[in-house]
């Protein structure tokens, strides 16, 4: 699948997001992690300034995306990633 999917909070090509997503609260922390630890990070989401990146870490495709503040925000992003983008 290489179609573009859009949810209320995330807009991404399905192939651009990994099955494993790290979710720090702060989107700028997600950017920091991506730039510091991932090889060839690519930004896949900027909707509502909630930055998401995908790259390679130790040979494995990994994504990192901010979750916002608190459990309600984390719940929204985690649910959308799991139900609409096949994230494990």
PDB file of N, CA and C in Angstrom:
ATOM      1  N   UNK A   1       0.835  -1.181   0.000  1.00  0.00           N
ATOM      2  CA  UNK A   1       0.000   0.000   0.000  1.00  0.00           C
ATOM      3  C   UNK A   1       0.875   1.238   0.000  1.00  0.00           C
ATOM      4  N   UNK A   2       0.688   2.067  -0.963  1.00  0.00           N
ATOM      5  CA  UNK A   2       1.390   3.337  -0.990  1.00  0.00           C
ATOM      6  C   UNK A   2       0.395   4.451  -1.259  1.00  0.00           C
ATOM      7  N   UNK A   3      -0.735   4.380  -0.608  1.00  0.00           N
ATOM      8  CA  UNK A   3      -1.747   5.410  -0.738  1.00  0.00           C
ATOM      9  C   UNK A   3      -1.552   6.438   0.365  1.00  0.00           C
ATOM     10  N   UNK A   4      -2.157   7.583   0.200  1.00  0.00           N
ATOM     11  CA  UNK A   4      -2.097   8.599   1.238  1.00  0.00           C
ATOM     12  C   UNK A   4      -3.314   8.442   2.133  1.00  0.00           C
ATOM     13  N   UNK A   5      -3.081   8.367   3.430  1.00  0.00           N
ATOM     14  CA  UNK A   5      -4.167   8.248   4.400  1.00  0.00           C
ATOM     15  C   UNK A   5      -4.217   9.522   5.225  1.00  0.00           C
ATOM     16  N   UNK A   6      -5.424   9.935   5.522  1.00  0.00           N
ATOM     17  CA  UNK A   6      -5.599  11.133   6.334  1.00  0.00           C
ATOM     18  C   UNK A   6      -6.594  10.808   7.441  1.00  0.00           C
ATOM     19  N   UNK A   7      -6.220  11.109   8.660  1.00  0.00           N
ATOM     20  CA  UNK A   7      -7.139  10.997   9.784  1.00  0.00           C
ATOM     21  C   UNK A   7      -7.310  12.410  10.339  1.00  0.00           C
ATOM     22  N   UNK A   8      -8.017  12.531  11.428  1.00  0.00           N
ATOM     23  CA  UNK A   8      -8.228  13.855  12.016  1.00  0.00           C
ATOM     24  C   UNK A   8      -6.927  14.506  12.471  1.00  0.00           C
ATOM     25  N   UNK A   9      -5.928  13.685  12.827  1.00  0.00           N
ATOM     26  CA  UNK A   9      -4.705  14.223  13.410  1.00  0.00           C
ATOM     27  C   UNK A   9      -3.429  13.871  12.668  1.00  0.00           C
ATOM     28  N   UNK A  10      -3.510  12.950  11.699  1.00  0.00           N
ATOM     29  CA  UNK A  10      -2.308  12.457  11.026  1.00  0.00           C
ATOM     30  C   UNK A  10      -2.566  12.370   9.526  1.00  0.00           C
ATOM     31  N   UNK A  11      -1.626  12.854   8.732  1.00  0.00           N
ATOM     32  CA  UNK A  11      -1.688  12.723   7.276  1.00  0.00           C
ATOM     33  C   UNK A  11      -0.366  12.136   6.814  1.00  0.00           C
ATOM     34  N   UNK A  12      -0.411  10.936   6.235  1.00  0.00           N
ATOM     35  CA  UNK A  12       0.825  10.226   5.922  1.00  0.00           C
ATOM     36  C   UNK A  12       0.594   9.230   4.801  1.00  0.00           C
ATOM     37  N   UNK A  13       1.622   8.991   3.999  1.00  0.00           N
ATOM     38  CA  UNK A  13       1.580   7.863   3.082  1.00  0.00           C
ATOM     39  C   UNK A  13       1.835   6.623   3.918  1.00  0.00           C
ATOM     40  N   UNK A  14       1.027   5.594   3.741  1.00  0.00           N
ATOM     41  CA  UNK A  14       1.130   4.395   4.579  1.00  0.00           C
ATOM     42  C   UNK A  14       2.545   3.834   4.628  1.00  0.00           C
ATOM     43  N   UNK A  15       3.257   3.873   3.527  1.00  0.00           N
ATOM     44  CA  UNK A  15       4.606   3.304   3.486  1.00  0.00           C
ATOM     45  C   UNK A  15       5.597   4.134   4.300  1.00  0.00           C
ATOM     46  N   UNK A  16       5.214   5.351   4.677  1.00  0.00           N
ATOM     47  CA  UNK A  16       6.134   6.251   5.365  1.00  0.00           C
ATOM     48  C   UNK A  16       6.139   6.099   6.878  1.00  0.00           C
ATOM     49  N   UNK A  17       5.318   5.242   7.422  1.00  0.00           N
ATOM     50  CA  UNK A  17       5.278   5.084   8.872  1.00  0.00           C
ATOM     51  C   UNK A  17       5.633   3.641   9.227  1.00  0.00           C
ATOM     52  N   UNK A  18       6.475   3.507  10.235  1.00  0.00           N
ATOM     53  CA  UNK A  18       6.942   2.177  10.646  1.00  0.00           C
ATOM     54  C   UNK A  18       5.894   1.479  11.506  1.00  0.00           C
ATOM     55  N   UNK A  19       6.068   0.190  11.688  1.00  0.00           N
ATOM     56  CA  UNK A  19       5.173  -0.581  12.558  1.00  0.00           C
ATOM     57  C   UNK A  19       5.408  -0.236  14.029  1.00  0.00           C
ATOM     58  N   UNK A  20       6.613   0.256  14.339  1.00  0.00           N
ATOM     59  CA  UNK A  20       6.959   0.642  15.708  1.00  0.00           C
ATOM     60  C   UNK A  20       7.107   2.158  15.766  1.00  0.00           C
ATOM     61  N   UNK A  21       6.375   2.793  16.681  1.00  0.00           N
ATOM     62  CA  UNK A  21       6.414   4.252  16.822  1.00  0.00           C
ATOM     63  C   UNK A  21       6.724   4.609  18.272  1.00  0.00           C
ATOM     64  N   UNK A  22       7.781   5.374  18.475  1.00  0.00           N
ATOM     65  CA  UNK A  22       8.094   5.940  19.790  1.00  0.00           C
ATOM     66  C   UNK A  22       7.303   7.236  19.917  1.00  0.00           C
ATOM     67  N   UNK A  23       6.736   7.505  21.093  1.00  0.00           N
ATOM     68  CA  UNK A  23       5.862   8.666  21.231  1.00  0.00           C
ATOM     69  C   UNK A  23       6.206   9.535  22.438  1.00  0.00           C
ATOM     70  N   UNK A  24       7.218  10.406  22.301  1.00  0.00           N
ATOM     71  CA  UNK A  24       7.448  11.390  23.361  1.00  0.00           C
ATOM     72  C   UNK A  24       6.313  12.417  23.332  1.00  0.00           C
ATOM     73  N   UNK A  25       6.080  13.100  24.420  1.00  0.00           N
ATOM     74  CA  UNK A  25       5.000  14.077  24.459  1.00  0.00           C
ATOM     75  C   UNK A  25       5.240  15.276  23.552  1.00  0.00           C
ATOM     76  N   UNK A  26       6.426  15.838  23.604  1.00  0.00           N
ATOM     77  CA  UNK A  26       6.770  17.067  22.890  1.00  0.00           C
ATOM     78  C   UNK A  26       7.159  16.765  21.441  1.00  0.00           C
ATOM     79  N   UNK A  27       6.500  17.394  20.455  1.00  0.00           N
ATOM     80  CA  UNK A  27       6.866  17.159  19.060  1.00  0.00           C
ATOM     81  C   UNK A  27       8.300  17.595  18.737  1.00  0.00           C
ATOM     82  N   UNK A  28       8.812  18.590  19.452  1.00  0.00           N
ATOM     83  CA  UNK A  28      10.203  18.992  19.222  1.00  0.00           C
ATOM     84  C   UNK A  28      11.175  17.951  19.770  1.00  0.00           C
ATOM     85  N   UNK A  29      10.758  17.226  20.798  1.00  0.00           N
ATOM     86  CA  UNK A  29      11.572  16.117  21.287  1.00  0.00           C
ATOM     87  C   UNK A  29      11.581  14.988  20.256  1.00  0.00           C
ATOM     88  N   UNK A  30      10.458  14.768  19.584  1.00  0.00           N
ATOM     89  CA  UNK A  30      10.404  13.768  18.512  1.00  0.00           C
ATOM     90  C   UNK A  30      11.376  14.151  17.401  1.00  0.00           C
ATOM     91  N   UNK A  31      11.409  15.434  17.070  1.00  0.00           N
ATOM     92  CA  UNK A  31      12.346  15.914  16.046  1.00  0.00           C
ATOM     93  C   UNK A  31      13.790  15.703  16.501  1.00  0.00           C
ATOM     94  N   UNK A  32      14.073  16.013  17.743  1.00  0.00           N
ATOM     95  CA  UNK A  32      15.417  15.831  18.297  1.00  0.00           C
ATOM     96  C   UNK A  32      15.840  14.364  18.223  1.00  0.00           C
ATOM     97  N   UNK A  33      14.971  13.469  18.666  1.00  0.00           N
ATOM     98  CA  UNK A  33      15.276  12.031  18.634  1.00  0.00           C
ATOM     99  C   UNK A  33      15.523  11.580  17.203  1.00  0.00           C
ATOM    100  N   UNK A  34      14.669  12.008  16.287  1.00  0.00           N
ATOM    101  CA  UNK A  34      14.820  11.614  14.881  1.00  0.00           C
ATOM    102  C   UNK A  34      16.151  12.093  14.311  1.00  0.00           C
ATOM    103  N   UNK A  35      16.470  13.357  14.543  1.00  0.00           N
ATOM    104  CA  UNK A  35      17.704  13.918  13.979  1.00  0.00           C
ATOM    105  C   UNK A  35      18.957  13.351  14.640  1.00  0.00           C
ATOM    106  N   UNK A  36      18.861  13.001  15.897  1.00  0.00           N
ATOM    107  CA  UNK A  36      20.041  12.520  16.618  1.00  0.00           C
ATOM    108  C   UNK A  36      20.264  11.012  16.483  1.00  0.00           C
ATOM    109  N   UNK A  37      19.194  10.233  16.429  1.00  0.00           N
ATOM    110  CA  UNK A  37      19.345   8.779  16.501  1.00  0.00           C
ATOM    111  C   UNK A  37      18.955   8.009  15.236  1.00  0.00           C
ATOM    112  N   UNK A  38      18.147   8.591  14.366  1.00  0.00           N
ATOM    113  CA  UNK A  38      17.712   7.864  13.173  1.00  0.00           C
ATOM    114  C   UNK A  38      18.574   8.206  11.967  1.00  0.00           C
ATOM    115  N   UNK A  39      18.842   7.205  11.139  1.00  0.00           N
ATOM    116  CA  UNK A  39      19.527   7.442   9.874  1.00  0.00           C
ATOM    117  C   UNK A  39      18.485   7.905   8.860  1.00  0.00           C
ATOM    118  N   UNK A  40      18.813   8.937   8.111  1.00  0.00           N
ATOM    119  CA  UNK A  40      17.949   9.466   7.050  1.00  0.00           C
ATOM    120  C   UNK A  40      16.506   9.703   7.507  1.00  0.00           C
ATOM    121  N   UNK A  41      16.291  10.466   8.574  1.00  0.00           N
ATOM    122  CA  UNK A  41      14.917  10.702   9.024  1.00  0.00           C
ATOM    123  C   UNK A  41      14.123  11.523   8.010  1.00  0.00           C
ATOM    124  N   UNK A  42      12.867  11.140   7.834  1.00  0.00           N
ATOM    125  CA  UNK A  42      11.958  11.836   6.926  1.00  0.00           C
ATOM    126  C   UNK A  42      10.720  12.227   7.721  1.00  0.00           C
ATOM    127  N   UNK A  43      10.309  13.482   7.612  1.00  0.00           N
ATOM    128  CA  UNK A  43       9.115  13.956   8.317  1.00  0.00           C
ATOM    129  C   UNK A  43       7.867  13.445   7.590  1.00  0.00           C
ATOM    130  N   UNK A  44       6.996  12.734   8.315  1.00  0.00           N
ATOM    131  CA  UNK A  44       5.775  12.226   7.691  1.00  0.00           C
ATOM    132  C   UNK A  44       4.522  12.957   8.148  1.00  0.00           C
ATOM    133  N   UNK A  45       4.621  13.758   9.192  1.00  0.00           N
ATOM    134  CA  UNK A  45       3.429  14.446   9.678  1.00  0.00           C
ATOM    135  C   UNK A  45       3.769  15.818  10.239  1.00  0.00           C
ATOM    136  N   UNK A  46       2.949  16.804   9.870  1.00  0.00           N
ATOM    137  CA  UNK A  46       3.047  18.143  10.453  1.00  0.00           C
ATOM    138  C   UNK A  46       1.666  18.669  10.850  1.00  0.00           C
ATOM    139  N   UNK A  47       0.631  17.836  10.741  1.00  0.00           N
ATOM    140  CA  UNK A  47      -0.725  18.260  11.080  1.00  0.00           C
ATOM    141  C   UNK A  47      -0.748  18.720  12.532  1.00  0.00           C
ATOM    142  N   UNK A  48      -1.305  19.902  12.760  1.00  0.00           N
ATOM    143  CA  UNK A  48      -1.387  20.506  14.103  1.00  0.00           C
ATOM    144  C   UNK A  48      -0.021  20.619  14.772  1.00  0.00           C
ATOM    145  N   UNK A  49       1.020  20.728  13.956  1.00  0.00           N
ATOM    146  CA  UNK A  49       2.405  20.832  14.436  1.00  0.00           C
ATOM    147  C   UNK A  49       2.834  19.650  15.308  1.00  0.00           C
ATOM    148  N   UNK A  50       2.174  18.517  15.164  1.00  0.00           N
ATOM    149  CA  UNK A  50       2.572  17.307  15.885  1.00  0.00           C
ATOM    150  C   UNK A  50       3.494  16.525  14.952  1.00  0.00           C
ATOM    151  N   UNK A  51       4.787  16.806  15.071  1.00  0.00           N
ATOM    152  CA  UNK A  51       5.775  16.274  14.139  1.00  0.00           C
ATOM    153  C   UNK A  51       5.961  14.773  14.294  1.00  0.00           C
ATOM    154  N   UNK A  52       6.084  14.111  13.140  1.00  0.00           N
ATOM    155  CA  UNK A  52       6.364  12.679  13.109  1.00  0.00           C
ATOM    156  C   UNK A  52       7.447  12.396  12.083  1.00  0.00           C
ATOM    157  N   UNK A  53       8.366  11.498  12.411  1.00  0.00           N
ATOM    158  CA  UNK A  53       9.501  11.173  11.542  1.00  0.00           C
ATOM    159  C   UNK A  53       9.680   9.664  11.457  1.00  0.00           C
ATOM    160  N   UNK A  54      10.193   9.213  10.329  1.00  0.00           N
ATOM    161  CA  UNK A  54      10.557   7.806  10.158  1.00  0.00           C
ATOM    162  C   UNK A  54      11.985   7.743   9.661  1.00  0.00           C
ATOM    163  N   UNK A  55      12.734   6.785  10.189  1.00  0.00           N
ATOM    164  CA  UNK A  55      14.112   6.572   9.764  1.00  0.00           C
ATOM    165  C   UNK A  55      14.552   5.175  10.156  1.00  0.00           C
ATOM    166  N   UNK A  56      15.831   4.951  10.089  1.00  0.00           N
ATOM    167  CA  UNK A  56      16.403   3.645  10.400  1.00  0.00           C
ATOM    168  C   UNK A  56      17.228   3.748  11.682  1.00  0.00           C
ATOM    169  N   UNK A  57      17.000   2.810  12.601  1.00  0.00           N
ATOM    170  CA  UNK A  57      17.787   2.721  13.827  1.00  0.00           C
ATOM    171  C   UNK A  57      18.307   1.296  13.952  1.00  0.00           C
ATOM    172  N   UNK A  58      19.626   1.157  13.903  1.00  0.00           N
ATOM    173  CA  UNK A  58      20.272  -0.162  13.981  1.00  0.00           C
ATOM    174  C   UNK A  58      19.662  -1.146  12.987  1.00  0.00           C
ATOM    175  N   UNK A  59      19.433  -0.669  11.764  1.00  0.00           N
ATOM    176  CA  UNK A  59      18.936  -1.520  10.693  1.00  0.00           C
ATOM    177  C   UNK A  59      17.437  -1.759  10.683  1.00  0.00           C
ATOM    178  N   UNK A  60      16.711  -1.154  11.608  1.00  0.00           N
ATOM    179  CA  UNK A  60      15.267  -1.367  11.705  1.00  0.00           C
ATOM    180  C   UNK A  60      14.521  -0.060  11.466  1.00  0.00           C
ATOM    181  N   UNK A  61      13.435  -0.118  10.681  1.00  0.00           N
ATOM    182  CA  UNK A  61      12.615   1.056  10.408  1.00  0.00           C
ATOM    183  C   UNK A  61      11.827   1.419  11.668  1.00  0.00           C
ATOM    184  N   UNK A  62      12.009   2.657  12.121  1.00  0.00           N
ATOM    185  CA  UNK A  62      11.376   3.154  13.346  1.00  0.00           C
ATOM    186  C   UNK A  62      10.774   4.529  13.058  1.00  0.00           C
ATOM    187  N   UNK A  63       9.627   4.805  13.656  1.00  0.00           N
ATOM    188  CA  UNK A  63       9.041   6.141  13.586  1.00  0.00           C
ATOM    189  C   UNK A  63       9.019   6.737  14.983  1.00  0.00           C
ATOM    190  N   UNK A  64       9.039   8.050  15.039  1.00  0.00           N
ATOM    191  CA  UNK A  64       8.915   8.768  16.304  1.00  0.00           C
ATOM    192  C   UNK A  64       7.975   9.943  16.051  1.00  0.00           C
ATOM    193  N   UNK A  65       6.976  10.092  16.937  1.00  0.00           N
ATOM    194  CA  UNK A  65       5.971  11.134  16.742  1.00  0.00           C
ATOM    195  C   UNK A  65       5.541  11.669  18.093  1.00  0.00           C
ATOM    196  N   UNK A  66       5.396  12.975  18.187  1.00  0.00           N
ATOM    197  CA  UNK A  66       4.907  13.583  19.418  1.00  0.00           C
ATOM    198  C   UNK A  66       3.499  13.107  19.733  1.00  0.00           C
ATOM    199  N   UNK A  67       3.180  13.070  21.026  1.00  0.00           N
ATOM    200  CA  UNK A  67       1.840  12.630  21.432  1.00  0.00           C
ATOM    201  C   UNK A  67       1.027  13.749  22.072  1.00  0.00           C
ATOM    202  N   UNK A  68       1.653  14.885  22.315  1.00  0.00           N
ATOM    203  CA  UNK A  68       0.944  15.967  22.980  1.00  0.00           C
ATOM    204  C   UNK A  68       0.939  15.781  24.486  1.00  0.00           C
ATOM    205  N   UNK A  69       0.177  16.642  25.167  1.00  0.00           N
ATOM    206  CA  UNK A  69       0.177  16.634  26.631  1.00  0.00           C
ATOM    207  C   UNK A  69      -0.949  15.777  27.181  1.00  0.00           C
ATOM    208  N   UNK A  70      -0.597  14.851  28.041  1.00  0.00           N
ATOM    209  CA  UNK A  70      -1.590  14.097  28.785  1.00  0.00           C
ATOM    210  C   UNK A  70      -2.131  12.865  28.087  1.00  0.00           C
ATOM    211  N   UNK A  71      -2.846  12.084  28.867  1.00  0.00           N
ATOM    212  CA  UNK A  71      -3.422  10.827  28.404  1.00  0.00           C
ATOM    213  C   UNK A  71      -4.454  11.039  27.288  1.00  0.00           C
ATOM    214  N   UNK A  72      -5.347  12.038  27.356  1.00  0.00           N
ATOM    215  CA  UNK A  72      -6.317  12.195  26.274  1.00  0.00           C
ATOM    216  C   UNK A  72      -5.658  12.408  24.906  1.00  0.00           C
ATOM    217  N   UNK A  73      -4.649  13.256  24.855  1.00  0.00           N
ATOM    218  CA  UNK A  73      -3.954  13.502  23.592  1.00  0.00           C
ATOM    219  C   UNK A  73      -3.227  12.248  23.116  1.00  0.00           C
ATOM    220  N   UNK A  74      -2.516  11.590  24.026  1.00  0.00           N
ATOM    221  CA  UNK A  74      -1.826  10.343  23.691  1.00  0.00           C
ATOM    222  C   UNK A  74      -2.825   9.314  23.170  1.00  0.00           C
ATOM    223  N   UNK A  75      -3.987   9.234  23.802  1.00  0.00           N
ATOM    224  CA  UNK A  75      -5.014   8.285  23.383  1.00  0.00           C
ATOM    225  C   UNK A  75      -5.484   8.519  21.962  1.00  0.00           C
ATOM    226  N   UNK A  76      -5.652   9.773  21.590  1.00  0.00           N
ATOM    227  CA  UNK A  76      -6.091  10.103  20.229  1.00  0.00           C
ATOM    228  C   UNK A  76      -5.055   9.651  19.215  1.00  0.00           C
ATOM    229  N   UNK A  77      -3.799  10.060  19.406  1.00  0.00           N
ATOM    230  CA  UNK A  77      -2.752   9.717  18.437  1.00  0.00           C
ATOM    231  C   UNK A  77      -2.480   8.215  18.400  1.00  0.00           C
ATOM    232  N   UNK A  78      -2.402   7.581  19.562  1.00  0.00           N
ATOM    233  CA  UNK A  78      -2.126   6.140  19.602  1.00  0.00           C
ATOM    234  C   UNK A  78      -3.253   5.351  18.935  1.00  0.00           C
ATOM    235  N   UNK A  79      -4.497   5.734  19.195  1.00  0.00           N
ATOM    236  CA  UNK A  79      -5.632   5.043  18.581  1.00  0.00           C
ATOM    237  C   UNK A  79      -5.616   5.189  17.068  1.00  0.00           C
ATOM    238  N   UNK A  80      -5.365   6.393  16.572  1.00  0.00           N
ATOM    239  CA  UNK A  80      -5.314   6.593  15.120  1.00  0.00           C
ATOM    240  C   UNK A  80      -4.161   5.819  14.494  1.00  0.00           C
ATOM    241  N   UNK A  81      -2.999   5.825  15.133  1.00  0.00           N
ATOM    242  CA  UNK A  81      -1.863   5.068  14.595  1.00  0.00           C
ATOM    243  C   UNK A  81      -2.186   3.581  14.532  1.00  0.00           C
ATOM    244  N   UNK A  82      -2.814   3.058  15.568  1.00  0.00           N
ATOM    245  CA  UNK A  82      -3.114   1.632  15.652  1.00  0.00           C
ATOM    246  C   UNK A  82      -4.233   1.224  14.693  1.00  0.00           C
ATOM    247  N   UNK A  83      -5.319   1.991  14.669  1.00  0.00           N
ATOM    248  CA  UNK A  83      -6.488   1.579  13.882  1.00  0.00           C
ATOM    249  C   UNK A  83      -6.411   1.957  12.412  1.00  0.00           C
ATOM    250  N   UNK A  84      -5.740   3.049  12.080  1.00  0.00           N
ATOM    251  CA  UNK A  84      -5.752   3.522  10.697  1.00  0.00           C
ATOM    252  C   UNK A  84      -4.436   3.338   9.961  1.00  0.00           C
ATOM    253  N   UNK A  85      -3.347   3.095  10.695  1.00  0.00           N
ATOM    254  CA  UNK A  85      -2.044   3.004  10.039  1.00  0.00           C
ATOM    255  C   UNK A  85      -1.294   1.711  10.363  1.00  0.00           C
ATOM    256  N   UNK A  86      -1.964   0.745  10.960  1.00  0.00           N
ATOM    257  CA  UNK A  86      -1.382  -0.582  11.229  1.00  0.00           C
ATOM    258  C   UNK A  86      -0.129  -0.560  12.097  1.00  0.00           C
ATOM    259  N   UNK A  87      -0.021   0.409  12.970  1.00  0.00           N
ATOM    260  CA  UNK A  87       1.117   0.456  13.885  1.00  0.00           C
ATOM    261  C   UNK A  87       0.894  -0.580  14.977  1.00  0.00           C
ATOM    262  N   UNK A  88       1.955  -1.263  15.355  1.00  0.00           N
ATOM    263  CA  UNK A  88       1.854  -2.292  16.394  1.00  0.00           C
ATOM    264  C   UNK A  88       2.036  -1.692  17.766  1.00  0.00           C
TER     265      UNK A  88
END
